[in-house]
N, C-alpha and C. Protein backbone atom coordinates (compact mmCIF):
# COMPACT_ATOMS: atom_id res chain seq x y z
N MET A 1 51.48 65.44 66.41
CA MET A 1 49.84 65.54 67.19
C MET A 1 49.68 67.10 67.11
N ILE A 2 47.99 67.64 67.37
CA ILE A 2 47.89 68.52 66.38
C ILE A 2 47.35 68.90 68.11
N ILE A 3 47.86 70.62 68.31
CA ILE A 3 47.20 70.94 69.85
C ILE A 3 46.41 71.93 69.50
N GLY A 4 45.31 72.10 70.41
CA GLY A 4 44.00 72.77 70.13
C GLY A 4 43.02 72.21 69.14
N ASP A 5 42.24 73.22 68.99
CA ASP A 5 40.89 73.24 68.12
C ASP A 5 41.28 72.56 66.74
N TYR A 6 40.77 71.26 66.52
CA TYR A 6 41.32 70.48 65.12
C TYR A 6 40.31 69.95 64.52
N GLY A 7 39.06 69.68 65.47
CA GLY A 7 38.16 69.11 64.88
C GLY A 7 38.14 68.11 64.67
N GLN A 8 37.31 67.20 63.61
CA GLN A 8 37.55 65.66 63.67
C GLN A 8 38.72 65.31 62.69
N ILE A 9 39.24 64.30 62.98
CA ILE A 9 40.02 63.48 62.26
C ILE A 9 39.24 62.28 61.21
N LYS A 10 39.31 62.70 59.70
CA LYS A 10 38.77 61.64 58.86
C LYS A 10 40.15 61.17 58.32
N GLY A 11 39.26 59.72 57.31
CA GLY A 11 40.45 59.14 56.74
C GLY A 11 40.00 59.50 55.56
N VAL A 12 40.75 59.36 54.27
CA VAL A 12 40.19 59.05 52.98
C VAL A 12 39.46 57.58 52.26
N LEU A 13 38.84 57.31 52.07
CA LEU A 13 37.95 56.31 51.88
C LEU A 13 38.96 55.85 50.46
N GLY A 14 38.89 54.76 49.93
CA GLY A 14 38.95 54.45 48.56
C GLY A 14 40.88 53.87 48.38
N LEU A 15 41.40 53.93 49.34
CA LEU A 15 43.27 53.72 49.25
C LEU A 15 43.48 52.80 49.59
N THR A 16 44.62 52.14 49.15
CA THR A 16 45.09 51.33 49.67
C THR A 16 45.71 51.64 50.87
N PRO A 17 46.48 50.78 51.86
CA PRO A 17 47.16 51.02 53.27
C PRO A 17 48.54 51.58 52.26
N GLN A 18 48.90 50.92 51.44
CA GLN A 18 50.42 51.32 50.87
C GLN A 18 50.28 52.90 50.26
N GLU A 19 48.86 53.13 49.71
CA GLU A 19 48.93 54.34 49.19
C GLU A 19 48.65 55.72 49.79
N GLU A 20 47.88 55.32 51.13
CA GLU A 20 47.55 55.98 51.90
C GLU A 20 48.72 56.34 52.86
N GLN A 21 50.09 55.76 52.89
CA GLN A 21 51.39 55.85 53.67
C GLN A 21 52.31 56.45 52.50
N GLY A 22 52.38 56.04 51.50
CA GLY A 22 52.97 56.58 50.30
C GLY A 22 52.60 58.20 50.41
N ALA A 23 51.11 58.35 50.78
CA ALA A 23 50.72 60.00 50.14
C ALA A 23 51.37 60.69 51.97
N LYS A 24 51.11 59.96 53.06
CA LYS A 24 51.54 60.55 54.48
C LYS A 24 52.94 60.98 54.45
N ASP A 25 53.58 59.98 54.02
CA ASP A 25 55.34 60.26 53.89
C ASP A 25 55.60 61.07 53.23
N PHE A 26 54.89 61.44 51.74
CA PHE A 26 54.97 62.58 50.99
C PHE A 26 54.76 63.85 51.65
N MET A 27 53.33 64.15 52.17
CA MET A 27 53.05 65.15 53.29
C MET A 27 53.64 65.66 54.00
N LEU A 28 54.35 64.53 55.14
CA LEU A 28 54.96 64.93 55.80
C LEU A 28 56.45 65.25 55.74
N GLY A 29 57.22 65.04 54.75
CA GLY A 29 58.65 65.20 53.91
C GLY A 29 58.07 66.96 53.75
N ALA A 30 57.15 67.23 52.95
CA ALA A 30 56.75 68.61 52.73
C ALA A 30 56.23 69.53 53.97
N VAL A 31 56.02 69.07 54.65
CA VAL A 31 55.74 69.68 56.08
C VAL A 31 56.92 70.20 56.87
N TYR A 32 57.94 69.19 56.83
CA TYR A 32 58.91 69.12 57.40
C TYR A 32 60.44 70.75 56.97
N CYS A 33 59.91 70.29 55.81
CA CYS A 33 60.50 71.14 54.98
C CYS A 33 59.92 72.68 54.99
N ARG A 34 58.62 72.88 55.24
CA ARG A 34 58.13 73.98 55.00
C ARG A 34 58.53 74.54 56.81
N CYS A 35 58.78 73.75 57.78
CA CYS A 35 59.06 74.25 58.92
C CYS A 35 60.15 74.80 59.28
N LYS A 36 61.13 73.90 58.06
CA LYS A 36 62.87 74.39 58.10
C LYS A 36 62.55 75.68 57.50
N ASN A 37 62.37 76.00 56.44
CA ASN A 37 62.22 77.24 55.68
C ASN A 37 61.21 78.37 56.29
N GLN A 38 60.20 77.82 56.69
CA GLN A 38 59.58 79.01 56.62
C GLN A 38 58.78 78.85 58.64
N ASN A 39 60.06 78.71 59.23
CA ASN A 39 59.40 78.65 60.86
C ASN A 39 58.51 79.35 61.29
N GLY A 40 57.52 79.12 62.40
CA GLY A 40 56.79 80.10 62.71
C GLY A 40 55.88 80.65 61.62
N GLU A 41 55.54 80.43 60.50
CA GLU A 41 54.34 80.49 59.58
C GLU A 41 53.28 79.74 59.62
N TRP A 42 51.96 80.07 59.82
CA TRP A 42 50.86 79.44 59.27
C TRP A 42 50.83 78.86 57.98
N PHE A 43 50.58 77.61 57.60
CA PHE A 43 50.19 76.83 56.30
C PHE A 43 49.38 75.86 56.16
N ALA A 44 48.65 75.55 55.09
CA ALA A 44 47.71 75.07 54.76
C ALA A 44 47.71 73.91 53.74
N VAL A 45 47.21 73.29 53.11
CA VAL A 45 47.46 72.32 52.26
C VAL A 45 47.41 72.99 51.02
N ARG A 46 46.79 74.25 50.99
CA ARG A 46 47.32 74.19 49.34
C ARG A 46 48.46 75.33 49.05
N ASP A 47 48.86 75.72 50.31
CA ASP A 47 50.42 76.18 50.64
C ASP A 47 51.16 75.29 49.88
N LEU A 48 51.11 73.90 50.50
CA LEU A 48 51.93 72.67 49.71
C LEU A 48 51.81 72.07 48.96
N PHE A 49 50.70 72.34 48.43
CA PHE A 49 50.38 71.02 47.40
C PHE A 49 49.57 71.80 46.18
N GLY A 50 49.39 73.36 46.22
CA GLY A 50 48.75 74.03 45.41
C GLY A 50 49.51 75.15 44.64
N GLY A 51 48.97 75.90 44.08
CA GLY A 51 50.14 76.89 43.36
C GLY A 51 50.90 75.87 42.12
N ASP A 52 52.16 76.93 42.59
CA ASP A 52 53.34 76.36 41.58
C ASP A 52 53.47 74.68 41.96
N ASN A 53 52.81 74.02 42.99
CA ASN A 53 53.17 72.53 43.23
C ASN A 53 51.89 71.88 42.94
N PHE A 54 50.93 72.35 41.93
CA PHE A 54 49.39 71.72 41.54
C PHE A 54 49.53 70.66 40.74
N ASP A 55 50.53 69.95 39.92
CA ASP A 55 50.55 69.23 39.37
C ASP A 55 51.11 68.00 40.09
N TRP A 56 50.32 67.33 40.37
CA TRP A 56 50.82 65.89 41.45
C TRP A 56 51.08 64.71 40.59
N GLY A 57 51.53 64.58 39.32
CA GLY A 57 51.92 63.65 38.60
C GLY A 57 53.39 63.17 39.00
N GLY A 58 53.65 62.23 39.03
CA GLY A 58 54.49 61.53 39.69
C GLY A 58 54.41 61.55 41.15
N THR A 59 53.72 61.74 41.70
CA THR A 59 53.78 61.54 42.91
C THR A 59 53.14 61.05 43.78
N PRO A 60 52.95 60.84 45.59
CA PRO A 60 52.25 59.92 45.50
C PRO A 60 50.84 60.22 45.92
N LEU A 61 50.42 61.27 45.89
CA LEU A 61 49.16 61.86 45.90
C LEU A 61 48.58 62.12 44.60
N ARG A 62 49.08 61.65 43.62
CA ARG A 62 48.24 61.33 42.19
C ARG A 62 46.96 60.94 42.27
N VAL A 63 47.28 59.41 43.15
CA VAL A 63 46.04 58.92 43.41
C VAL A 63 44.56 59.29 44.07
N LEU A 64 45.03 60.43 44.75
CA LEU A 64 43.91 61.13 45.23
C LEU A 64 43.03 61.75 44.45
N TYR A 65 43.41 62.29 43.24
CA TYR A 65 42.81 62.58 42.07
C TYR A 65 42.52 61.79 41.11
N GLU A 66 43.11 60.49 41.12
CA GLU A 66 42.42 59.50 40.25
C GLU A 66 41.73 58.43 40.80
N LYS A 67 41.34 58.80 41.89
CA LYS A 67 40.14 57.97 42.82
C LYS A 67 39.24 58.74 42.19
N GLU A 68 39.18 59.84 42.44
CA GLU A 68 37.83 60.71 41.73
C GLU A 68 37.79 60.94 40.65
N LYS A 69 38.41 60.98 39.31
CA LYS A 69 38.21 60.50 38.41
C LYS A 69 37.69 59.19 37.75
N GLY A 70 38.12 57.89 38.65
CA GLY A 70 37.52 57.09 38.45
C GLY A 70 35.94 56.62 38.77
N LYS A 71 35.65 57.64 39.74
CA LYS A 71 34.29 57.78 40.25
C LYS A 71 33.50 58.88 39.10
N GLY A 72 34.06 58.86 37.96
CA GLY A 72 33.49 59.36 36.56
C GLY A 72 33.44 60.85 36.76
N LYS A 73 34.43 61.59 37.72
CA LYS A 73 34.03 63.06 37.82
C LYS A 73 35.05 63.88 36.87
N GLU A 74 34.53 65.20 36.24
CA GLU A 74 35.30 65.60 35.27
C GLU A 74 36.32 66.13 36.05
N ASP A 75 37.45 66.89 35.26
CA ASP A 75 38.42 67.52 35.79
C ASP A 75 38.65 68.27 37.02
N LEU A 76 37.63 69.72 36.82
CA LEU A 76 37.54 70.57 37.61
C LEU A 76 37.36 69.95 39.30
N GLU A 77 36.04 68.84 39.03
CA GLU A 77 35.40 68.65 40.71
C GLU A 77 36.31 67.66 40.95
N ALA A 78 36.99 66.69 40.47
CA ALA A 78 37.93 65.59 40.65
C ALA A 78 39.51 66.51 41.39
N ILE A 79 39.27 67.82 40.34
CA ILE A 79 40.65 68.73 41.36
C ILE A 79 40.11 68.99 42.49
N ASP A 80 38.93 69.43 42.90
CA ASP A 80 38.36 70.08 44.08
C ASP A 80 38.53 68.86 45.17
N GLU A 81 37.82 67.68 44.81
CA GLU A 81 37.78 66.86 45.46
C GLU A 81 39.04 66.03 46.26
N ALA A 82 39.80 66.07 45.19
CA ALA A 82 41.47 65.39 45.42
C ALA A 82 41.89 66.64 46.43
N GLY A 83 41.61 67.66 46.36
CA GLY A 83 42.41 68.64 47.43
C GLY A 83 41.83 68.49 48.60
N LYS A 84 40.19 68.51 48.88
CA LYS A 84 39.43 67.93 50.12
C LYS A 84 40.17 66.95 50.76
N SER A 85 40.26 65.83 49.90
CA SER A 85 41.00 64.74 50.23
C SER A 85 42.63 64.76 50.98
N ALA A 86 43.24 65.63 50.14
CA ALA A 86 44.54 66.13 50.62
C ALA A 86 44.73 66.88 51.86
N GLY A 87 43.62 67.96 52.38
CA GLY A 87 43.25 68.12 53.62
C GLY A 87 43.01 67.11 54.55
N ARG A 88 42.32 66.64 54.33
CA ARG A 88 41.98 65.31 55.47
C ARG A 88 43.05 64.29 55.63
N LEU A 89 43.87 64.25 54.92
CA LEU A 89 44.77 63.49 54.96
C LEU A 89 46.37 63.95 55.50
N LEU A 90 46.26 65.63 55.08
CA LEU A 90 47.11 66.05 56.09
C LEU A 90 47.00 66.39 57.39
N LYS A 91 45.70 66.85 57.72
CA LYS A 91 45.27 66.31 59.45
C LYS A 91 45.79 65.21 59.76
N LYS A 92 45.03 64.04 59.52
CA LYS A 92 45.57 62.85 60.27
C LYS A 92 46.90 62.82 60.00
N THR A 93 47.84 63.12 59.25
CA THR A 93 49.45 63.09 59.06
C THR A 93 50.00 63.83 60.60
N LEU A 94 49.44 64.65 60.41
CA LEU A 94 49.82 65.84 61.49
C LEU A 94 49.54 65.61 63.04
N PHE A 95 48.39 64.82 63.28
CA PHE A 95 47.56 64.23 63.99
C PHE A 95 48.40 63.07 64.81
N GLU A 96 48.38 62.32 63.79
CA GLU A 96 49.84 60.93 64.04
C GLU A 96 51.16 61.62 64.00
N ASN A 97 51.55 62.74 64.00
CA ASN A 97 52.86 62.51 64.18
C ASN A 97 53.72 62.80 65.53
N GLU A 98 54.19 61.55 65.97
CA GLU A 98 54.34 61.79 67.66
C GLU A 98 56.18 62.75 67.88
N LYS A 99 56.38 63.04 66.75
CA LYS A 99 57.63 63.76 66.72
C LYS A 99 57.82 65.56 66.89
N ARG A 100 56.54 66.01 66.41
CA ARG A 100 56.24 66.88 66.24
C ARG A 100 55.00 67.56 66.49
N SER A 101 54.73 68.56 66.84
CA SER A 101 53.78 69.31 67.78
C SER A 101 52.93 70.54 66.71
N PHE A 102 51.83 70.59 66.50
CA PHE A 102 51.39 71.76 65.44
C PHE A 102 49.85 72.27 66.18
N GLU A 103 50.20 73.20 66.08
CA GLU A 103 48.91 74.18 66.54
C GLU A 103 48.05 74.39 65.08
N SER A 104 46.67 74.25 65.37
CA SER A 104 45.85 74.40 64.24
C SER A 104 44.77 75.42 64.61
N LYS A 105 44.17 75.95 63.51
CA LYS A 105 43.20 76.82 63.56
C LYS A 105 41.97 76.59 62.07
N LYS A 106 41.17 77.31 62.48
CA LYS A 106 40.15 77.71 60.91
C LYS A 106 39.98 78.95 60.37
N GLU A 107 40.33 79.10 59.10
CA GLU A 107 40.15 80.47 58.90
C GLU A 107 39.43 80.01 57.42
N GLY A 108 37.96 80.43 57.78
CA GLY A 108 36.43 80.16 57.10
C GLY A 108 36.51 78.38 56.27
N MET A 109 36.91 78.49 55.50
CA MET A 109 36.76 76.71 54.93
C MET A 109 38.42 76.28 55.10
N THR A 110 38.93 76.86 55.38
CA THR A 110 40.57 76.42 55.43
C THR A 110 41.28 76.00 56.92
N ARG A 111 41.60 74.83 56.97
CA ARG A 111 42.58 74.53 57.97
C ARG A 111 44.04 74.72 57.88
N LYS A 112 44.51 75.47 58.91
CA LYS A 112 45.67 76.29 59.12
C LYS A 112 46.64 75.23 59.95
N TYR A 113 47.65 75.32 60.00
CA TYR A 113 48.77 74.80 61.09
C TYR A 113 50.23 75.70 61.62
N LYS A 114 50.59 75.09 62.10
CA LYS A 114 51.65 75.78 62.46
C LYS A 114 52.66 75.04 63.53
N TRP A 115 53.79 74.91 63.28
CA TRP A 115 54.90 74.22 64.31
C TRP A 115 54.89 74.81 65.40
N VAL A 116 55.07 74.19 66.49
CA VAL A 116 54.97 74.36 67.79
C VAL A 116 56.49 74.09 68.30
N LYS A 117 57.41 74.70 68.56
CA LYS A 117 58.54 73.89 68.83
C LYS A 117 58.18 73.59 70.47
N GLY A 118 59.29 72.57 70.82
CA GLY A 118 59.09 72.28 72.32
C GLY A 118 59.63 70.93 72.52
């Protein structure tokens, strides 16, 4: 569940239900790990799946990149679009989560979240 201002919940087109669920499960695992290890800190999709975690090969998130490459996009554009899709999917994943609540805020173009214990 997301508390506060979270804008619209948008899906990611072009994924099978199994691909979407696999990516959401993977994301939720990363979020729970982040909450355990960095409790009380804000995070964004790039904190979980960017930087040192940039290579999505062998993960369920790879389909987001492959979907964009399948549209004929060059590598950098496919990476950028896959990152945006990951952001939409993360928001949907947290919104649908019934076990934990997350506060949300927008900083520039970045959506951030924080676990709200309760």
